[in-house]
Amino acid sequence: MKKEKRKFDLSKLTTPLLIIIIILLVISIVLLLIKDNRQKYDNDNYYPSNIKDNNTYDPDKVKISMQKALEIALNDLKLKEKDVYDVDIELDNKYNNTVYEISFNYNMHEYEYYIDATNGDIIHSFKELDF
């Protein structure tokens, strides 16, 4: 008995291969976008997502985290984070320093702090009645 040689039919594989290639490309693009986004906002929250002007401060001078700056402002008032609301933190350049500009509300007042991002010093603080 003669053995028949079976021919490999590539045409039956083109559609599944094409689908697999497209899926791999989509996954690769998504992973690249996620990686790029993580690189922008990692580093212990040193670079908050609500920065208004990227070119106004020197990121190499930032030595404390956004969370630490908030703790410094709240400790100045002997408050806890759970006591305040409408917290907004931005990294900026004020008074010739790289600072965290922190604002929050507590007990019908709005507070604003400028915390030096290099050493944690309070550069400026302000309180006003908030209706």
N, C-alpha and C. Protein backbone atom coordinates (compact mmCIF):
# COMPACT_ATOMS: atom_id res chain seq x y z
N MET A 1 0.82 -1.17 0.00
CA MET A 1 0.00 0.00 0.00
C MET A 1 0.88 1.26 0.00
N LYS A 2 0.49 2.17 -0.79
CA LYS A 2 1.24 3.40 -0.92
C LYS A 2 0.73 4.43 0.08
N LYS A 3 1.68 5.09 0.69
CA LYS A 3 1.29 6.18 1.59
C LYS A 3 1.11 7.45 0.79
N GLU A 4 0.04 8.09 1.11
CA GLU A 4 -0.23 9.35 0.43
C GLU A 4 0.42 10.49 1.21
N LYS A 5 1.03 11.34 0.48
CA LYS A 5 1.59 12.54 1.10
C LYS A 5 0.51 13.59 1.17
N ARG A 6 0.32 14.08 2.39
CA ARG A 6 -0.68 15.12 2.53
C ARG A 6 -0.02 16.48 2.34
N LYS A 7 -0.69 17.26 1.58
CA LYS A 7 -0.18 18.61 1.35
C LYS A 7 -0.72 19.52 2.45
N PHE A 8 0.13 20.40 2.84
CA PHE A 8 -0.24 21.38 3.86
C PHE A 8 -0.94 22.53 3.17
N ASP A 9 -2.17 22.80 3.59
CA ASP A 9 -2.97 23.86 2.97
C ASP A 9 -2.88 25.12 3.83
N LEU A 10 -2.06 26.04 3.38
CA LEU A 10 -1.85 27.29 4.12
C LEU A 10 -3.08 28.20 4.10
N SER A 11 -3.90 28.07 3.14
CA SER A 11 -5.06 28.95 3.01
C SER A 11 -6.04 28.79 4.17
N LYS A 12 -6.05 27.63 4.79
CA LYS A 12 -6.95 27.42 5.93
C LYS A 12 -6.45 28.12 7.20
N LEU A 13 -5.19 28.46 7.23
CA LEU A 13 -4.62 29.09 8.42
C LEU A 13 -4.53 30.60 8.34
N THR A 14 -4.73 31.18 7.19
CA THR A 14 -4.51 32.63 7.05
C THR A 14 -5.45 33.45 7.92
N THR A 15 -6.71 33.11 7.98
CA THR A 15 -7.66 33.89 8.79
C THR A 15 -7.34 33.79 10.28
N PRO A 16 -7.13 32.58 10.85
CA PRO A 16 -6.77 32.53 12.28
C PRO A 16 -5.44 33.21 12.57
N LEU A 17 -4.48 33.08 11.68
CA LEU A 17 -3.18 33.75 11.90
C LEU A 17 -3.34 35.27 11.87
N LEU A 18 -4.12 35.75 10.96
CA LEU A 18 -4.36 37.18 10.86
C LEU A 18 -5.05 37.71 12.12
N ILE A 19 -6.01 36.98 12.63
CA ILE A 19 -6.71 37.37 13.86
C ILE A 19 -5.74 37.39 15.04
N ILE A 20 -4.89 36.39 15.15
CA ILE A 20 -3.91 36.34 16.23
C ILE A 20 -2.94 37.51 16.14
N ILE A 21 -2.48 37.83 14.94
CA ILE A 21 -1.55 38.96 14.75
C ILE A 21 -2.22 40.28 15.16
N ILE A 22 -3.46 40.46 14.77
CA ILE A 22 -4.18 41.70 15.13
C ILE A 22 -4.36 41.80 16.65
N ILE A 23 -4.71 40.70 17.30
CA ILE A 23 -4.88 40.69 18.75
C ILE A 23 -3.56 41.03 19.45
N LEU A 24 -2.46 40.44 18.96
CA LEU A 24 -1.15 40.73 19.56
C LEU A 24 -0.76 42.19 19.38
N LEU A 25 -1.07 42.76 18.22
CA LEU A 25 -0.77 44.18 17.99
C LEU A 25 -1.57 45.08 18.93
N VAL A 26 -2.84 44.79 19.09
CA VAL A 26 -3.69 45.59 19.99
C VAL A 26 -3.18 45.49 21.42
N ILE A 27 -2.85 44.29 21.87
CA ILE A 27 -2.31 44.11 23.22
C ILE A 27 -1.01 44.88 23.40
N SER A 28 -0.14 44.84 22.40
CA SER A 28 1.14 45.57 22.47
C SER A 28 0.92 47.07 22.59
N ILE A 29 -0.01 47.60 21.81
CA ILE A 29 -0.29 49.04 21.86
C ILE A 29 -0.84 49.43 23.23
N VAL A 30 -1.76 48.64 23.75
CA VAL A 30 -2.34 48.93 25.07
C VAL A 30 -1.26 48.90 26.15
N LEU A 31 -0.39 47.91 26.11
CA LEU A 31 0.68 47.80 27.10
C LEU A 31 1.65 48.98 27.01
N LEU A 32 1.95 49.43 25.81
CA LEU A 32 2.83 50.59 25.65
C LEU A 32 2.18 51.85 26.22
N LEU A 33 0.89 52.02 25.99
CA LEU A 33 0.19 53.19 26.53
C LEU A 33 0.15 53.15 28.05
N ILE A 34 -0.09 51.99 28.62
CA ILE A 34 -0.12 51.86 30.08
C ILE A 34 1.27 52.14 30.66
N LYS A 35 2.30 51.61 30.04
CA LYS A 35 3.67 51.82 30.53
C LYS A 35 4.03 53.31 30.48
N ASP A 36 3.69 53.98 29.38
CA ASP A 36 3.98 55.40 29.25
C ASP A 36 3.26 56.21 30.31
N ASN A 37 2.01 55.87 30.59
CA ASN A 37 1.23 56.57 31.60
C ASN A 37 1.80 56.36 32.99
N ARG A 38 2.24 55.15 33.29
CA ARG A 38 2.83 54.87 34.61
C ARG A 38 4.11 55.64 34.81
N GLN A 39 4.93 55.75 33.78
CA GLN A 39 6.19 56.47 33.92
C GLN A 39 5.95 57.94 34.24
N LYS A 40 4.88 58.51 33.74
CA LYS A 40 4.61 59.92 34.00
C LYS A 40 4.22 60.18 35.45
N TYR A 41 3.50 59.23 36.07
CA TYR A 41 2.92 59.50 37.38
C TYR A 41 3.41 58.58 38.48
N ASP A 42 4.51 57.88 38.28
CA ASP A 42 5.08 57.05 39.33
C ASP A 42 5.98 57.90 40.22
N ASN A 43 6.97 57.30 40.78
CA ASN A 43 7.94 57.99 41.63
C ASN A 43 7.32 58.52 42.91
N ASP A 44 6.57 57.68 43.62
CA ASP A 44 6.02 58.01 44.93
C ASP A 44 5.14 59.26 44.91
N ASN A 45 4.39 59.42 43.84
CA ASN A 45 3.47 60.56 43.70
C ASN A 45 4.17 61.91 43.71
N TYR A 46 5.43 61.97 43.29
CA TYR A 46 6.11 63.26 43.24
C TYR A 46 5.50 64.17 42.19
N TYR A 47 4.92 63.61 41.17
CA TYR A 47 4.41 64.40 40.07
C TYR A 47 2.90 64.22 39.96
N PRO A 48 2.12 65.05 40.62
CA PRO A 48 0.67 64.88 40.58
C PRO A 48 0.11 65.08 39.18
N SER A 49 -1.04 64.49 38.95
CA SER A 49 -1.63 64.52 37.61
C SER A 49 -2.25 65.86 37.27
N ASN A 50 -2.42 66.72 38.22
CA ASN A 50 -3.07 68.00 37.93
C ASN A 50 -2.07 69.15 37.81
N ILE A 51 -0.85 68.86 37.37
CA ILE A 51 0.14 69.91 37.17
C ILE A 51 -0.33 70.78 36.01
N LYS A 52 -0.36 72.09 36.22
CA LYS A 52 -0.88 72.98 35.19
C LYS A 52 0.17 73.30 34.13
N ASP A 53 1.40 73.57 34.53
CA ASP A 53 2.42 73.98 33.58
C ASP A 53 3.68 73.18 33.85
N ASN A 54 3.96 72.21 33.00
CA ASN A 54 5.10 71.32 33.19
C ASN A 54 6.44 72.03 33.24
N ASN A 55 6.56 73.20 32.65
CA ASN A 55 7.86 73.83 32.51
C ASN A 55 8.15 74.87 33.59
N THR A 56 7.33 74.97 34.61
CA THR A 56 7.54 76.03 35.58
C THR A 56 8.35 75.59 36.80
N TYR A 57 8.63 74.31 36.95
CA TYR A 57 9.39 73.84 38.10
C TYR A 57 10.46 72.86 37.65
N ASP A 58 11.43 72.63 38.51
CA ASP A 58 12.52 71.71 38.21
C ASP A 58 12.26 70.39 38.93
N PRO A 59 11.93 69.31 38.20
CA PRO A 59 11.61 68.03 38.85
C PRO A 59 12.79 67.44 39.63
N ASP A 60 14.01 67.83 39.29
CA ASP A 60 15.18 67.32 40.02
C ASP A 60 15.25 67.87 41.43
N LYS A 61 14.58 68.98 41.68
CA LYS A 61 14.60 69.60 43.01
C LYS A 61 13.57 69.00 43.95
N VAL A 62 12.62 68.23 43.42
CA VAL A 62 11.55 67.66 44.24
C VAL A 62 12.13 66.54 45.10
N LYS A 63 12.06 66.71 46.42
CA LYS A 63 12.61 65.72 47.35
C LYS A 63 11.56 65.11 48.26
N ILE A 64 10.42 65.75 48.39
CA ILE A 64 9.37 65.18 49.24
C ILE A 64 8.15 64.85 48.37
N SER A 65 7.37 63.91 48.81
CA SER A 65 6.20 63.49 48.04
C SER A 65 5.04 64.46 48.26
N MET A 66 4.06 64.35 47.39
CA MET A 66 2.85 65.14 47.50
C MET A 66 2.14 64.83 48.82
N GLN A 67 2.11 63.56 49.20
CA GLN A 67 1.45 63.14 50.44
C GLN A 67 2.16 63.76 51.65
N LYS A 68 3.48 63.76 51.64
CA LYS A 68 4.25 64.34 52.75
C LYS A 68 3.97 65.85 52.87
N ALA A 69 3.88 66.53 51.73
CA ALA A 69 3.59 67.97 51.75
C ALA A 69 2.21 68.24 52.36
N LEU A 70 1.24 67.40 52.02
CA LEU A 70 -0.10 67.55 52.60
C LEU A 70 -0.05 67.32 54.11
N GLU A 71 0.70 66.32 54.55
CA GLU A 71 0.84 66.05 55.99
C GLU A 71 1.44 67.24 56.72
N ILE A 72 2.42 67.89 56.11
CA ILE A 72 3.05 69.07 56.73
C ILE A 72 2.03 70.18 56.92
N ALA A 73 1.22 70.44 55.88
CA ALA A 73 0.20 71.49 55.99
C ALA A 73 -0.84 71.14 57.05
N LEU A 74 -1.28 69.90 57.07
CA LEU A 74 -2.30 69.50 58.05
C LEU A 74 -1.75 69.50 59.46
N ASN A 75 -0.50 69.08 59.64
CA ASN A 75 0.13 69.10 60.97
C ASN A 75 0.24 70.53 61.50
N ASP A 76 0.44 71.49 60.61
CA ASP A 76 0.53 72.88 61.02
C ASP A 76 -0.78 73.33 61.69
N LEU A 77 -1.88 72.77 61.23
CA LEU A 77 -3.20 73.12 61.80
C LEU A 77 -3.69 72.07 62.79
N LYS A 78 -2.89 71.06 63.04
CA LYS A 78 -3.26 69.95 63.92
C LYS A 78 -4.54 69.26 63.45
N LEU A 79 -4.61 69.04 62.13
CA LEU A 79 -5.75 68.36 61.51
C LEU A 79 -5.31 67.02 60.93
N LYS A 80 -6.30 66.19 60.66
CA LYS A 80 -6.07 64.91 59.99
C LYS A 80 -6.66 65.01 58.58
N GLU A 81 -6.20 64.14 57.70
CA GLU A 81 -6.66 64.18 56.32
C GLU A 81 -8.17 63.95 56.22
N LYS A 82 -8.71 63.15 57.12
CA LYS A 82 -10.16 62.87 57.09
C LYS A 82 -11.00 64.10 57.49
N ASP A 83 -10.37 65.11 58.13
CA ASP A 83 -11.08 66.30 58.57
C ASP A 83 -11.33 67.31 57.44
N VAL A 84 -10.55 67.24 56.37
CA VAL A 84 -10.60 68.26 55.32
C VAL A 84 -11.26 67.70 54.06
N TYR A 85 -11.69 68.62 53.19
CA TYR A 85 -12.31 68.20 51.92
C TYR A 85 -11.89 69.17 50.82
N ASP A 86 -12.21 68.81 49.59
CA ASP A 86 -11.83 69.59 48.40
C ASP A 86 -10.32 69.86 48.36
N VAL A 87 -9.54 68.82 48.58
CA VAL A 87 -8.08 68.95 48.58
C VAL A 87 -7.59 69.05 47.13
N ASP A 88 -6.74 70.03 46.89
CA ASP A 88 -6.12 70.20 45.58
C ASP A 88 -4.63 70.45 45.79
N ILE A 89 -3.81 69.68 45.08
CA ILE A 89 -2.35 69.82 45.23
C ILE A 89 -1.74 69.95 43.85
N GLU A 90 -0.92 70.98 43.67
CA GLU A 90 -0.24 71.21 42.40
C GLU A 90 1.23 71.49 42.67
N LEU A 91 2.07 71.03 41.77
CA LEU A 91 3.50 71.31 41.85
C LEU A 91 3.78 72.49 40.95
N ASP A 92 4.45 73.52 41.48
CA ASP A 92 4.66 74.75 40.72
C ASP A 92 5.93 75.44 41.19
N ASN A 93 6.24 76.55 40.56
CA ASN A 93 7.39 77.36 40.95
C ASN A 93 6.87 78.70 41.46
N LYS A 94 7.02 78.94 42.76
CA LYS A 94 6.58 80.19 43.38
C LYS A 94 7.69 80.67 44.30
N TYR A 95 7.81 81.96 44.42
CA TYR A 95 8.82 82.54 45.31
C TYR A 95 10.21 81.99 45.01
N ASN A 96 10.49 81.76 43.74
CA ASN A 96 11.77 81.21 43.27
C ASN A 96 12.08 79.85 43.88
N ASN A 97 11.05 79.09 44.23
CA ASN A 97 11.21 77.75 44.77
C ASN A 97 10.26 76.80 44.06
N THR A 98 10.64 75.54 44.02
CA THR A 98 9.73 74.51 43.57
C THR A 98 8.86 74.16 44.77
N VAL A 99 7.55 74.37 44.63
CA VAL A 99 6.65 74.22 45.77
C VAL A 99 5.43 73.38 45.41
N TYR A 100 4.86 72.79 46.46
CA TYR A 100 3.53 72.20 46.35
C TYR A 100 2.54 73.28 46.77
N GLU A 101 1.63 73.60 45.89
CA GLU A 101 0.57 74.54 46.21
C GLU A 101 -0.63 73.69 46.65
N ILE A 102 -0.98 73.78 47.92
CA ILE A 102 -2.01 72.92 48.51
C ILE A 102 -3.17 73.78 48.97
N SER A 103 -4.36 73.38 48.58
CA SER A 103 -5.55 74.07 49.08
C SER A 103 -6.56 73.02 49.53
N PHE A 104 -7.31 73.36 50.57
CA PHE A 104 -8.34 72.47 51.08
C PHE A 104 -9.33 73.28 51.91
N ASN A 105 -10.46 72.68 52.21
CA ASN A 105 -11.49 73.34 53.01
C ASN A 105 -11.66 72.61 54.33
N TYR A 106 -11.93 73.41 55.38
CA TYR A 106 -12.19 72.86 56.70
C TYR A 106 -13.00 73.89 57.49
N ASN A 107 -14.09 73.47 58.08
CA ASN A 107 -14.87 74.29 59.00
C ASN A 107 -15.19 75.68 58.41
N MET A 108 -15.77 75.68 57.21
CA MET A 108 -16.20 76.90 56.51
C MET A 108 -15.06 77.85 56.16
N HIS A 109 -13.84 77.33 56.07
CA HIS A 109 -12.70 78.13 55.65
C HIS A 109 -11.94 77.39 54.55
N GLU A 110 -11.33 78.18 53.66
CA GLU A 110 -10.43 77.61 52.67
C GLU A 110 -9.00 77.94 53.09
N TYR A 111 -8.16 76.93 53.09
CA TYR A 111 -6.76 77.09 53.47
C TYR A 111 -5.89 76.89 52.25
N GLU A 112 -4.83 77.67 52.19
CA GLU A 112 -3.86 77.52 51.10
C GLU A 112 -2.46 77.51 51.69
N TYR A 113 -1.68 76.54 51.26
CA TYR A 113 -0.30 76.41 51.72
C TYR A 113 0.64 76.28 50.53
N TYR A 114 1.81 76.88 50.65
CA TYR A 114 2.90 76.64 49.71
C TYR A 114 3.98 75.95 50.52
N ILE A 115 4.26 74.70 50.16
CA ILE A 115 5.25 73.88 50.86
C ILE A 115 6.45 73.69 49.93
N ASP A 116 7.64 74.03 50.41
CA ASP A 116 8.86 73.84 49.63
C ASP A 116 9.02 72.35 49.31
N ALA A 117 9.13 72.01 48.03
CA ALA A 117 9.21 70.61 47.60
C ALA A 117 10.58 70.00 47.82
N THR A 118 11.57 70.83 48.19
CA THR A 118 12.91 70.29 48.43
C THR A 118 13.14 69.94 49.89
N ASN A 119 12.55 70.71 50.81
CA ASN A 119 12.84 70.45 52.22
C ASN A 119 11.60 70.41 53.13
N GLY A 120 10.41 70.70 52.59
CA GLY A 120 9.19 70.62 53.38
C GLY A 120 8.88 71.85 54.20
N ASP A 121 9.62 72.93 54.04
CA ASP A 121 9.33 74.16 54.77
C ASP A 121 8.03 74.79 54.28
N ILE A 122 7.29 75.40 55.20
CA ILE A 122 6.09 76.15 54.83
C ILE A 122 6.55 77.53 54.38
N ILE A 123 6.32 77.85 53.13
CA ILE A 123 6.75 79.14 52.58
C ILE A 123 5.66 80.19 52.77
N HIS A 124 4.41 79.76 52.64
CA HIS A 124 3.29 80.69 52.73
C HIS A 124 2.04 79.92 53.15
N SER A 125 1.22 80.54 53.95
CA SER A 125 -0.08 79.94 54.26
C SER A 125 -1.12 81.05 54.34
N PHE A 126 -2.34 80.69 54.02
CA PHE A 126 -3.41 81.69 53.94
C PHE A 126 -4.71 81.01 54.31
N LYS A 127 -5.59 81.75 54.98
CA LYS A 127 -6.90 81.24 55.38
C LYS A 127 -7.94 82.30 55.05
N GLU A 128 -9.05 81.85 54.44
CA GLU A 128 -10.14 82.79 54.17
C GLU A 128 -11.48 82.09 54.39
N LEU A 129 -12.47 82.89 54.73
CA LEU A 129 -13.82 82.37 54.94
C LEU A 129 -14.37 81.87 53.62
N ASP A 130 -14.97 80.68 53.64
CA ASP A 130 -15.49 80.06 52.42
C ASP A 130 -16.97 79.76 52.63
N PHE A 131 -17.83 80.50 51.96
CA PHE A 131 -19.28 80.32 52.13
C PHE A 131 -19.78 79.16 51.33
